[in-house]
PDB file of N, CA and C in Angstrom:
ATOM      1  N   UNK A   1      -4.137  15.798  35.359  1.00  0.00           N
ATOM      2  CA  UNK A   1      -4.802  16.632  34.389  1.00  0.00           C
ATOM      3  C   UNK A   1      -3.976  16.763  33.115  1.00  0.00           C
ATOM      4  N   UNK A   2      -2.670  16.853  33.248  1.00  0.00           N
ATOM      5  CA  UNK A   2      -1.847  17.066  32.064  1.00  0.00           C
ATOM      6  C   UNK A   2      -1.833  15.852  31.138  1.00  0.00           C
ATOM      7  N   UNK A   3      -1.977  14.660  31.713  1.00  0.00           N
ATOM      8  CA  UNK A   3      -2.012  13.477  30.857  1.00  0.00           C
ATOM      9  C   UNK A   3      -3.277  13.469  30.011  1.00  0.00           C
ATOM     10  N   UNK A   4      -4.381  13.943  30.558  1.00  0.00           N
ATOM     11  CA  UNK A   4      -5.621  14.036  29.794  1.00  0.00           C
ATOM     12  C   UNK A   4      -5.485  15.076  28.689  1.00  0.00           C
ATOM     13  N   UNK A   5      -4.868  16.179  29.011  1.00  0.00           N
ATOM     14  CA  UNK A   5      -4.647  17.236  28.026  1.00  0.00           C
ATOM     15  C   UNK A   5      -3.736  16.745  26.905  1.00  0.00           C
ATOM     16  N   UNK A   6      -2.663  16.052  27.268  1.00  0.00           N
ATOM     17  CA  UNK A   6      -1.748  15.517  26.255  1.00  0.00           C
ATOM     18  C   UNK A   6      -2.417  14.426  25.426  1.00  0.00           C
ATOM     19  N   UNK A   7      -3.261  13.623  26.043  1.00  0.00           N
ATOM     20  CA  UNK A   7      -3.954  12.561  25.318  1.00  0.00           C
ATOM     21  C   UNK A   7      -5.036  13.070  24.393  1.00  0.00           C
ATOM     22  N   UNK A   8      -5.505  14.288  24.619  1.00  0.00           N
ATOM     23  CA  UNK A   8      -6.527  14.858  23.749  1.00  0.00           C
ATOM     24  C   UNK A   8      -5.963  15.204  22.365  1.00  0.00           C
ATOM     25  N   UNK A   9      -4.673  15.448  22.283  1.00  0.00           N
ATOM     26  CA  UNK A   9      -4.058  15.765  20.982  1.00  0.00           C
ATOM     27  C   UNK A   9      -4.113  14.568  20.035  1.00  0.00           C
ATOM     28  N   UNK A  10      -3.575  13.395  20.402  1.00  0.00           N
ATOM     29  CA  UNK A  10      -3.688  12.264  19.484  1.00  0.00           C
ATOM     30  C   UNK A  10      -5.126  11.788  19.317  1.00  0.00           C
ATOM     31  N   UNK A  11      -5.994  12.130  20.266  1.00  0.00           N
ATOM     32  CA  UNK A  11      -7.398  11.780  20.113  1.00  0.00           C
ATOM     33  C   UNK A  11      -8.096  12.610  19.052  1.00  0.00           C
ATOM     34  N   UNK A  12      -7.628  13.825  18.828  1.00  0.00           N
ATOM     35  CA  UNK A  12      -8.248  14.710  17.853  1.00  0.00           C
ATOM     36  C   UNK A  12      -7.532  14.714  16.501  1.00  0.00           C
ATOM     37  N   UNK A  13      -6.331  14.178  16.432  1.00  0.00           N
ATOM     38  CA  UNK A  13      -5.580  14.184  15.166  1.00  0.00           C
ATOM     39  C   UNK A  13      -6.208  13.348  14.044  1.00  0.00           C
ATOM     40  N   UNK A  14      -6.897  12.242  14.330  1.00  0.00           N
ATOM     41  CA  UNK A  14      -7.519  11.502  13.219  1.00  0.00           C
ATOM     42  C   UNK A  14      -8.492  12.344  12.391  1.00  0.00           C
ATOM     43  N   UNK A  15      -9.116  13.339  13.003  1.00  0.00           N
ATOM     44  CA  UNK A  15      -9.997  14.245  12.259  1.00  0.00           C
ATOM     45  C   UNK A  15      -9.198  15.001  11.202  1.00  0.00           C
ATOM     46  N   UNK A  16      -8.041  15.499  11.606  1.00  0.00           N
ATOM     47  CA  UNK A  16      -7.177  16.245  10.689  1.00  0.00           C
ATOM     48  C   UNK A  16      -6.664  15.326   9.579  1.00  0.00           C
ATOM     49  N   UNK A  17      -6.267  14.117   9.952  1.00  0.00           N
ATOM     50  CA  UNK A  17      -5.757  13.173   8.949  1.00  0.00           C
ATOM     51  C   UNK A  17      -6.851  12.775   7.959  1.00  0.00           C
ATOM     52  N   UNK A  18      -8.065  12.530   8.468  1.00  0.00           N
ATOM     53  CA  UNK A  18      -9.169  12.169   7.585  1.00  0.00           C
ATOM     54  C   UNK A  18      -9.542  13.295   6.646  1.00  0.00           C
ATOM     55  N   UNK A  19      -9.594  14.504   7.176  1.00  0.00           N
ATOM     56  CA  UNK A  19      -9.916  15.668   6.349  1.00  0.00           C
ATOM     57  C   UNK A  19      -8.860  15.857   5.260  1.00  0.00           C
ATOM     58  N   UNK A  20      -7.600  15.768   5.658  1.00  0.00           N
ATOM     59  CA  UNK A  20      -6.509  15.950   4.701  1.00  0.00           C
ATOM     60  C   UNK A  20      -6.513  14.850   3.653  1.00  0.00           C
ATOM     61  N   UNK A  21      -6.791  13.617   4.064  1.00  0.00           N
ATOM     62  CA  UNK A  21      -6.843  12.522   3.109  1.00  0.00           C
ATOM     63  C   UNK A  21      -7.994  12.659   2.127  1.00  0.00           C
ATOM     64  N   UNK A  22      -9.133  13.135   2.589  1.00  0.00           N
ATOM     65  CA  UNK A  22     -10.302  13.271   1.726  1.00  0.00           C
ATOM     66  C   UNK A  22     -10.197  14.480   0.808  1.00  0.00           C
ATOM     67  N   UNK A  23      -9.661  15.564   1.315  1.00  0.00           N
ATOM     68  CA  UNK A  23      -9.581  16.802   0.529  1.00  0.00           C
ATOM     69  C   UNK A  23      -8.263  16.976  -0.205  1.00  0.00           C
ATOM     70  N   UNK A  24      -7.240  16.295   0.266  1.00  0.00           N
ATOM     71  CA  UNK A  24      -5.938  16.446  -0.368  1.00  0.00           C
ATOM     72  C   UNK A  24      -5.199  17.707   0.046  1.00  0.00           C
ATOM     73  N   UNK A  25      -5.701  18.395   1.052  1.00  0.00           N
ATOM     74  CA  UNK A  25      -5.041  19.600   1.545  1.00  0.00           C
ATOM     75  C   UNK A  25      -5.360  19.788   3.023  1.00  0.00           C
ATOM     76  N   UNK A  26      -4.487  20.484   3.706  1.00  0.00           N
ATOM     77  CA  UNK A  26      -4.685  20.792   5.113  1.00  0.00           C
ATOM     78  C   UNK A  26      -5.206  22.219   5.193  1.00  0.00           C
ATOM     79  N   UNK A  27      -6.481  22.356   5.553  1.00  0.00           N
ATOM     80  CA  UNK A  27      -7.099  23.683   5.559  1.00  0.00           C
ATOM     81  C   UNK A  27      -7.559  24.058   6.964  1.00  0.00           C
ATOM     82  N   UNK A  28      -8.053  25.272   7.083  1.00  0.00           N
ATOM     83  CA  UNK A  28      -8.498  25.791   8.372  1.00  0.00           C
ATOM     84  C   UNK A  28      -9.674  24.981   8.918  1.00  0.00           C
ATOM     85  N   UNK A  29     -10.509  24.443   8.054  1.00  0.00           N
ATOM     86  CA  UNK A  29     -11.646  23.650   8.511  1.00  0.00           C
ATOM     87  C   UNK A  29     -11.193  22.422   9.291  1.00  0.00           C
ATOM     88  N   UNK A  30     -10.106  21.807   8.867  1.00  0.00           N
ATOM     89  CA  UNK A  30      -9.568  20.652   9.581  1.00  0.00           C
ATOM     90  C   UNK A  30      -9.120  21.049  10.984  1.00  0.00           C
ATOM     91  N   UNK A  31      -8.509  22.203  11.111  1.00  0.00           N
ATOM     92  CA  UNK A  31      -8.053  22.656  12.425  1.00  0.00           C
ATOM     93  C   UNK A  31      -9.219  23.077  13.310  1.00  0.00           C
ATOM     94  N   UNK A  32     -10.287  23.585  12.719  1.00  0.00           N
ATOM     95  CA  UNK A  32     -11.482  23.907  13.507  1.00  0.00           C
ATOM     96  C   UNK A  32     -12.093  22.629  14.063  1.00  0.00           C
ATOM     97  N   UNK A  33     -12.199  21.601  13.232  1.00  0.00           N
ATOM     98  CA  UNK A  33     -12.701  20.312  13.704  1.00  0.00           C
ATOM     99  C   UNK A  33     -11.789  19.722  14.777  1.00  0.00           C
ATOM    100  N   UNK A  34     -10.482  19.853  14.576  1.00  0.00           N
ATOM    101  CA  UNK A  34      -9.523  19.403  15.594  1.00  0.00           C
ATOM    102  C   UNK A  34      -9.794  20.097  16.924  1.00  0.00           C
ATOM    103  N   UNK A  35      -9.978  21.415  16.889  1.00  0.00           N
ATOM    104  CA  UNK A  35     -10.211  22.182  18.115  1.00  0.00           C
ATOM    105  C   UNK A  35     -11.500  21.749  18.803  1.00  0.00           C
ATOM    106  N   UNK A  36     -12.553  21.510  18.026  1.00  0.00           N
ATOM    107  CA  UNK A  36     -13.823  21.073  18.606  1.00  0.00           C
ATOM    108  C   UNK A  36     -13.653  19.743  19.322  1.00  0.00           C
ATOM    109  N   UNK A  37     -13.032  18.778  18.665  1.00  0.00           N
ATOM    110  CA  UNK A  37     -12.860  17.453  19.268  1.00  0.00           C
ATOM    111  C   UNK A  37     -11.891  17.526  20.446  1.00  0.00           C
ATOM    112  N   UNK A  38     -10.835  18.309  20.324  1.00  0.00           N
ATOM    113  CA  UNK A  38      -9.867  18.468  21.413  1.00  0.00           C
ATOM    114  C   UNK A  38     -10.539  19.031  22.659  1.00  0.00           C
ATOM    115  N   UNK A  39     -11.290  20.098  22.506  1.00  0.00           N
ATOM    116  CA  UNK A  39     -11.947  20.734  23.644  1.00  0.00           C
ATOM    117  C   UNK A  39     -13.035  19.845  24.222  1.00  0.00           C
ATOM    118  N   UNK A  40     -13.730  19.100  23.381  1.00  0.00           N
ATOM    119  CA  UNK A  40     -14.806  18.218  23.834  1.00  0.00           C
ATOM    120  C   UNK A  40     -14.285  17.057  24.675  1.00  0.00           C
ATOM    121  N   UNK A  41     -13.097  16.574  24.385  1.00  0.00           N
ATOM    122  CA  UNK A  41     -12.588  15.381  25.059  1.00  0.00           C
ATOM    123  C   UNK A  41     -12.368  15.569  26.555  1.00  0.00           C
ATOM    124  N   UNK A  42     -11.962  16.745  26.980  1.00  0.00           N
ATOM    125  CA  UNK A  42     -11.640  16.956  28.392  1.00  0.00           C
ATOM    126  C   UNK A  42     -12.868  16.845  29.303  1.00  0.00           C
ATOM    127  N   UNK A  43     -13.937  17.608  29.069  1.00  0.00           N
ATOM    128  CA  UNK A  43     -15.110  17.426  29.935  1.00  0.00           C
ATOM    129  C   UNK A  43     -15.744  16.054  29.767  1.00  0.00           C
ATOM    130  N   UNK A  44     -15.654  15.491  28.584  1.00  0.00           N
ATOM    131  CA  UNK A  44     -16.195  14.155  28.336  1.00  0.00           C
ATOM    132  C   UNK A  44     -15.467  13.116  29.192  1.00  0.00           C
ATOM    133  N   UNK A  45     -14.159  13.168  29.224  1.00  0.00           N
ATOM    134  CA  UNK A  45     -13.370  12.231  30.016  1.00  0.00           C
ATOM    135  C   UNK A  45     -13.659  12.389  31.506  1.00  0.00           C
ATOM    136  N   UNK A  46     -13.710  13.635  31.982  1.00  0.00           N
ATOM    137  CA  UNK A  46     -13.944  13.865  33.404  1.00  0.00           C
ATOM    138  C   UNK A  46     -15.340  13.426  33.826  1.00  0.00           C
ATOM    139  N   UNK A  47     -16.335  13.649  32.982  1.00  0.00           N
ATOM    140  CA  UNK A  47     -17.689  13.225  33.354  1.00  0.00           C
ATOM    141  C   UNK A  47     -17.805  11.707  33.375  1.00  0.00           C
ATOM    142  N   UNK A  48     -17.172  11.019  32.457  1.00  0.00           N
ATOM    143  CA  UNK A  48     -17.155   9.554  32.497  1.00  0.00           C
ATOM    144  C   UNK A  48     -16.395   9.089  33.732  1.00  0.00           C
ATOM    145  N   UNK A  49     -15.307   9.753  34.062  1.00  0.00           N
ATOM    146  CA  UNK A  49     -14.539   9.406  35.255  1.00  0.00           C
ATOM    147  C   UNK A  49     -15.353   9.546  36.525  1.00  0.00           C
ATOM    148  N   UNK A  50     -16.209  10.563  36.578  1.00  0.00           N
ATOM    149  CA  UNK A  50     -17.075  10.717  37.748  1.00  0.00           C
ATOM    150  C   UNK A  50     -18.068   9.566  37.843  1.00  0.00           C
ATOM    151  N   UNK A  51     -18.536   9.116  36.710  1.00  0.00           N
ATOM    152  CA  UNK A  51     -19.531   8.048  36.678  1.00  0.00           C
ATOM    153  C   UNK A  51     -18.943   6.702  37.085  1.00  0.00           C
ATOM    154  N   UNK A  52     -17.711   6.439  36.701  1.00  0.00           N
ATOM    155  CA  UNK A  52     -17.113   5.125  36.964  1.00  0.00           C
ATOM    156  C   UNK A  52     -15.984   5.188  37.994  1.00  0.00           C
ATOM    157  N   UNK A  53     -15.957   6.220  38.822  1.00  0.00           N
ATOM    158  CA  UNK A  53     -14.841   6.382  39.758  1.00  0.00           C
ATOM    159  C   UNK A  53     -14.752   5.227  40.752  1.00  0.00           C
ATOM    160  N   UNK A  54     -15.870   4.625  41.102  1.00  0.00           N
ATOM    161  CA  UNK A  54     -15.808   3.477  42.019  1.00  0.00           C
ATOM    162  C   UNK A  54     -15.052   2.318  41.386  1.00  0.00           C
ATOM    163  N   UNK A  55     -15.193   2.148  40.098  1.00  0.00           N
ATOM    164  CA  UNK A  55     -14.490   1.068  39.412  1.00  0.00           C
ATOM    165  C   UNK A  55     -13.011   1.352  39.214  1.00  0.00           C
ATOM    166  N   UNK A  56     -12.642   2.624  39.170  1.00  0.00           N
ATOM    167  CA  UNK A  56     -11.239   3.004  38.979  1.00  0.00           C
ATOM    168  C   UNK A  56     -10.462   2.966  40.287  1.00  0.00           C
ATOM    169  N   UNK A  57     -11.143   3.159  41.398  1.00  0.00           N
ATOM    170  CA  UNK A  57     -10.491   3.223  42.706  1.00  0.00           C
ATOM    171  C   UNK A  57      -9.703   1.959  43.057  1.00  0.00           C
ATOM    172  N   UNK A  58     -10.290   0.763  42.945  1.00  0.00           N
ATOM    173  CA  UNK A  58      -9.530  -0.436  43.325  1.00  0.00           C
ATOM    174  C   UNK A  58      -8.276  -0.651  42.483  1.00  0.00           C
ATOM    175  N   UNK A  59      -8.292  -0.173  41.260  1.00  0.00           N
ATOM    176  CA  UNK A  59      -7.128  -0.339  40.396  1.00  0.00           C
ATOM    177  C   UNK A  59      -6.014   0.634  40.705  1.00  0.00           C
ATOM    178  N   UNK A  60      -6.288   1.633  41.527  1.00  0.00           N
ATOM    179  CA  UNK A  60      -5.271   2.611  41.895  1.00  0.00           C
ATOM    180  C   UNK A  60      -4.960   3.604  40.791  1.00  0.00           C
ATOM    181  N   UNK A  61      -5.885   3.775  39.842  1.00  0.00           N
ATOM    182  CA  UNK A  61      -5.683   4.718  38.754  1.00  0.00           C
ATOM    183  C   UNK A  61      -5.934   6.133  39.274  1.00  0.00           C
ATOM    184  N   UNK A  62      -4.899   6.962  39.361  1.00  0.00           N
ATOM    185  CA  UNK A  62      -5.055   8.264  40.004  1.00  0.00           C
ATOM    186  C   UNK A  62      -5.642   9.330  39.076  1.00  0.00           C
ATOM    187  N   UNK A  63      -6.893   9.185  38.703  1.00  0.00           N
ATOM    188  CA  UNK A  63      -7.554  10.218  37.909  1.00  0.00           C
ATOM    189  C   UNK A  63      -8.234  11.193  38.853  1.00  0.00           C
ATOM    190  N   UNK A  64      -8.567  12.357  38.362  1.00  0.00           N
ATOM    191  CA  UNK A  64      -9.120  13.416  39.192  1.00  0.00           C
ATOM    192  C   UNK A  64     -10.396  12.981  39.892  1.00  0.00           C
ATOM    193  N   UNK A  65     -11.240  12.235  39.219  1.00  0.00           N
ATOM    194  CA  UNK A  65     -12.511  11.836  39.831  1.00  0.00           C
ATOM    195  C   UNK A  65     -12.322  10.860  40.987  1.00  0.00           C
ATOM    196  N   UNK A  66     -11.214  10.150  41.033  1.00  0.00           N
ATOM    197  CA  UNK A  66     -10.932   9.246  42.149  1.00  0.00           C
ATOM    198  C   UNK A  66     -10.362  10.038  43.326  1.00  0.00           C
ATOM    199  N   UNK A  67      -9.480  10.964  43.041  1.00  0.00           N
ATOM    200  CA  UNK A  67      -8.841  11.770  44.081  1.00  0.00           C
ATOM    201  C   UNK A  67      -9.836  12.739  44.711  1.00  0.00           C
ATOM    202  N   UNK A  68     -10.708  13.319  43.886  1.00  0.00           N
ATOM    203  CA  UNK A  68     -11.690  14.300  44.345  1.00  0.00           C
ATOM    204  C   UNK A  68     -12.976  13.577  44.736  1.00  0.00           C
ATOM    205  N   UNK A  69     -13.070  13.192  45.981  1.00  0.00           N
ATOM    206  CA  UNK A  69     -14.208  12.412  46.464  1.00  0.00           C
ATOM    207  C   UNK A  69     -15.508  13.211  46.410  1.00  0.00           C
ATOM    208  N   UNK A  70     -15.449  14.496  46.717  1.00  0.00           N
ATOM    209  CA  UNK A  70     -16.669  15.315  46.744  1.00  0.00           C
ATOM    210  C   UNK A  70     -17.188  15.608  45.336  1.00  0.00           C
ATOM    211  N   UNK A  71     -16.310  15.605  44.345  1.00  0.00           N
ATOM    212  CA  UNK A  71     -16.705  15.896  42.969  1.00  0.00           C
ATOM    213  C   UNK A  71     -16.697  17.365  42.620  1.00  0.00           C
ATOM    214  N   UNK A  72     -16.363  18.224  43.566  1.00  0.00           N
ATOM    215  CA  UNK A  72     -16.378  19.664  43.300  1.00  0.00           C
ATOM    216  C   UNK A  72     -15.283  20.096  42.331  1.00  0.00           C
ATOM    217  N   UNK A  73     -14.072  19.615  42.545  1.00  0.00           N
ATOM    218  CA  UNK A  73     -12.975  19.977  41.637  1.00  0.00           C
ATOM    219  C   UNK A  73     -13.218  19.423  40.242  1.00  0.00           C
ATOM    220  N   UNK A  74     -13.694  18.202  40.185  1.00  0.00           N
ATOM    221  CA  UNK A  74     -13.965  17.572  38.885  1.00  0.00           C
ATOM    222  C   UNK A  74     -15.064  18.343  38.155  1.00  0.00           C
ATOM    223  N   UNK A  75     -16.089  18.736  38.870  1.00  0.00           N
ATOM    224  CA  UNK A  75     -17.165  19.525  38.275  1.00  0.00           C
ATOM    225  C   UNK A  75     -16.683  20.860  37.716  1.00  0.00           C
ATOM    226  N   UNK A  76     -15.777  21.501  38.460  1.00  0.00           N
ATOM    227  CA  UNK A  76     -15.208  22.765  37.964  1.00  0.00           C
ATOM    228  C   UNK A  76     -14.387  22.516  36.700  1.00  0.00           C
ATOM    229  N   UNK A  77     -13.624  21.429  36.669  1.00  0.00           N
ATOM    230  CA  UNK A  77     -12.834  21.121  35.462  1.00  0.00           C
ATOM    231  C   UNK A  77     -13.741  20.877  34.263  1.00  0.00           C
ATOM    232  N   UNK A  78     -14.868  20.209  34.496  1.00  0.00           N
ATOM    233  CA  UNK A  78     -15.810  19.947  33.406  1.00  0.00           C
ATOM    234  C   UNK A  78     -16.359  21.256  32.860  1.00  0.00           C
ATOM    235  N   UNK A  79     -16.719  22.177  33.745  1.00  0.00           N
ATOM    236  CA  UNK A  79     -17.315  23.430  33.317  1.00  0.00           C
ATOM    237  C   UNK A  79     -16.334  24.403  32.684  1.00  0.00           C
ATOM    238  N   UNK A  80     -15.107  24.435  33.202  1.00  0.00           N
ATOM    239  CA  UNK A  80     -14.184  25.483  32.781  1.00  0.00           C
ATOM    240  C   UNK A  80     -13.044  25.006  31.889  1.00  0.00           C
ATOM    241  N   UNK A  81     -13.058  23.793  31.426  1.00  0.00           N
ATOM    242  CA  UNK A  81     -12.010  23.317  30.515  1.00  0.00           C
ATOM    243  C   UNK A  81     -12.236  23.859  29.146  1.00  0.00           C
TER     244      UNK A  81
END
């Protein structure tokens, strides 16, 4: 879970860089957009992981959707992240 959380930061930073490059300043709007994209990435990643977990299993990639066979823990992470 922590790798997904850490990966969401560089995933959302291009929004801040684009906003700053276009406006020439770093404002609160850029950070609001960062927060939206950051928060969106976690449930998005977990839901895709649930969909393709069969394909991830043979590769031995230890993501939550592979470890959680029933999908209950993954579903809770999607809802409460």
